Each structure stands twice: as structure tokens, then as C-alpha cells.
């Protein structure tokens, strides 16, 4: 008799053939699983890691001290000056408050006026310079 026809006369199903093959070749199955897992991890690392790294470098290029990024802090400042100047915040009053320092001491900060620029002092609020 052949392997495809058992003793009872019925043909062997594909499932039974597959189970017999797996039982006879456990080492091959183990290596196939390892190969698939390795290729899968290589794809994940190769595709997702550079994408995340590029986003992080662009977002945090000037934040970490002592690290080299694609842009230095000086070049970012130079490019900002060349294209557009930073607007100063609107003039507003800061209320008196307490501030805790790193060493644990609390200090009292008196109220003060903040924002605007010295050039805007002569202008009437709400009107833009011509």
C-alpha cells in the first residue's frame, strides 16, 4: 500500500498528510519559524525605525545638549532670522506670585508688565505700524 491509502481503504486527507510531514520533519519546521521571525523583525526594524528616527531628529534637533543632529541650534537661529523675525508677545500684566526654586526655597515674585517691544510704546493699541 502507498502512504496516500491507509489500511481501511479511504484516501488520506491533506490535513493528515501535513501532520505526518510535520511529525517527520520537526527540525525543518523550527528553522522555518526562525527564518520567518527573523525576516519579519528585519522588515520592522528596516521600515519603522528610520521613519521614527527622522521624525524625532526633526522635532528635537536643538533640544539635547552635547548631541549632534542634522541641524545645529545656531543654524536654526540663522535661518529664522533670514526668513522672518519673531513677534514679541502681546503686552500683559503678570500677577504677583510665589516661585519654588530648585533648592526648595520659595521666593515672592512681584507683579510686572510684560510683552510688546520698546518700539510699540508710541503706538496706539490696536493700530498696526505703516
Protein backbone atom coordinates (compact mmCIF):
# COMPACT_ATOMS: atom_id res chain seq x y z
CA UNK A 1 0.00 0.00 0.00
CA UNK A 2 1.00 3.60 -0.58
CA UNK A 3 1.09 6.35 2.02
CA UNK A 4 -1.97 8.02 0.50
CA UNK A 5 -4.18 4.97 1.07
CA UNK A 6 -4.39 3.72 4.66
CA UNK A 7 -5.45 0.20 5.70
CA UNK A 8 -9.17 0.99 5.80
CA UNK A 9 -9.25 1.87 2.09
CA UNK A 10 -10.07 5.61 2.37
CA UNK A 11 -7.62 8.15 0.92
CA UNK A 12 -5.58 10.25 3.36
CA UNK A 13 -6.70 13.85 3.78
CA UNK A 14 -4.37 16.77 3.25
CA UNK A 15 -4.53 17.53 6.97
CA UNK A 16 -3.34 14.06 7.90
CA UNK A 17 -0.55 14.23 5.32
CA UNK A 18 0.56 17.60 6.70
CA UNK A 19 0.55 16.31 10.28
CA UNK A 20 2.63 13.29 9.26
CA UNK A 21 5.11 15.53 7.42
CA UNK A 22 5.41 17.88 10.42
CA UNK A 23 5.97 14.90 12.74
CA UNK A 24 8.73 13.59 10.47
CA UNK A 25 10.44 16.99 9.99
CA UNK A 26 10.36 18.95 13.30
CA UNK A 27 13.79 20.46 12.71
CA UNK A 28 12.75 21.89 9.33
CA UNK A 29 9.64 23.45 10.91
CA UNK A 30 11.76 25.01 13.66
CA UNK A 31 14.17 26.57 11.16
CA UNK A 32 11.29 27.84 9.01
CA UNK A 33 9.69 29.56 12.03
CA UNK A 34 13.02 31.13 12.98
CA UNK A 35 13.59 32.36 9.42
CA UNK A 36 10.11 33.91 9.19
CA UNK A 37 10.54 35.62 12.58
CA UNK A 38 13.97 36.97 11.59
CA UNK A 39 12.74 38.35 8.28
CA UNK A 40 9.72 39.89 10.00
CA UNK A 41 11.87 41.65 12.58
CA UNK A 42 14.27 42.86 9.87
CA UNK A 43 11.33 44.40 8.00
CA UNK A 44 10.03 46.10 11.15
CA UNK A 45 13.45 47.50 12.04
CA UNK A 46 14.26 48.47 8.46
CA UNK A 47 10.99 50.24 7.77
CA UNK A 48 9.75 51.67 11.05
CA UNK A 49 12.95 52.60 12.87
CA UNK A 50 14.29 55.09 10.28
CA UNK A 51 10.88 56.71 9.97
CA UNK A 52 10.65 57.32 13.73
CA UNK A 53 14.27 58.48 13.94
CA UNK A 54 13.80 61.06 11.19
CA UNK A 55 10.70 62.45 12.90
CA UNK A 56 12.49 62.67 16.24
CA UNK A 57 15.56 64.35 14.76
CA UNK A 58 13.43 66.95 13.01
CA UNK A 59 11.37 67.65 16.11
CA UNK A 60 14.09 67.59 18.75
CA UNK A 61 17.18 68.69 16.80
CA UNK A 62 18.15 71.51 19.12
CA UNK A 63 16.85 70.20 22.43
CA UNK A 64 19.53 67.78 23.65
CA UNK A 65 22.85 69.17 24.81
CA UNK A 66 26.01 67.51 23.62
CA UNK A 67 24.36 65.62 20.78
CA UNK A 68 24.81 66.17 17.11
CA UNK A 69 21.72 66.42 15.00
CA UNK A 70 21.02 67.26 11.40
CA UNK A 71 20.83 70.95 12.30
CA UNK A 72 22.68 72.82 15.00
CA UNK A 73 20.98 75.41 17.17
CA UNK A 74 22.99 78.20 15.52
CA UNK A 75 21.92 77.27 12.01
CA UNK A 76 18.27 77.13 13.07
CA UNK A 77 18.55 80.62 14.56
CA UNK A 78 20.30 81.93 11.44
CA UNK A 79 17.63 80.56 9.14
CA UNK A 80 14.87 82.04 11.31
CA UNK A 81 16.48 85.48 11.16
CA UNK A 82 16.82 85.28 7.41
CA UNK A 83 13.18 84.43 6.76
CA UNK A 84 11.09 86.08 9.44
CA UNK A 85 11.62 87.85 12.75
CA UNK A 86 9.96 86.55 15.89
CA UNK A 87 6.98 88.55 17.07
CA UNK A 88 7.08 89.67 20.68
CA UNK A 89 4.13 88.60 22.82
CA UNK A 90 1.21 90.96 23.45
CA UNK A 91 1.62 93.36 26.34
CA UNK A 92 0.10 91.97 29.54
CA UNK A 93 0.41 92.16 33.32
CA UNK A 94 1.95 89.33 35.32
CA UNK A 95 0.27 88.91 38.71
CA UNK A 96 2.39 88.64 41.87
CA UNK A 97 3.07 85.01 42.80
CA UNK A 98 5.39 82.63 44.64
CA UNK A 99 8.00 80.55 42.86
CA UNK A 100 9.80 77.47 44.22
CA UNK A 101 13.47 77.24 43.31
CA UNK A 102 15.37 74.00 42.62
CA UNK A 103 16.90 74.02 46.08
CA UNK A 104 13.42 74.12 47.68
CA UNK A 105 13.28 77.78 48.69
CA UNK A 106 10.17 79.81 47.88
CA UNK A 107 10.54 83.37 46.66
CA UNK A 108 7.93 86.07 46.08
CA UNK A 109 7.77 87.48 42.56
CA UNK A 110 6.15 90.91 42.43
CA UNK A 111 3.79 91.78 39.59
CA UNK A 112 5.14 93.39 36.45
CA UNK A 113 4.19 94.26 32.88
CA UNK A 114 5.44 92.01 30.13
CA UNK A 115 5.35 91.78 26.33
CA UNK A 116 5.34 94.24 23.48
CA UNK A 117 8.52 95.99 22.45
CA UNK A 118 10.11 99.36 23.09
CA UNK A 119 9.23 100.40 19.51
CA UNK A 120 5.50 99.94 20.20
CA UNK A 121 5.34 102.39 23.13
CA UNK A 122 4.47 105.35 20.91
CA UNK A 123 1.72 103.50 19.04
CA UNK A 124 -1.92 103.36 19.98
CA UNK A 125 -3.04 99.80 20.85
CA UNK A 126 -4.97 98.14 18.04
CA UNK A 127 -3.27 100.04 15.22
CA UNK A 128 -0.54 98.44 13.16
CA UNK A 129 2.58 100.28 12.06
CA UNK A 130 2.56 101.51 8.49
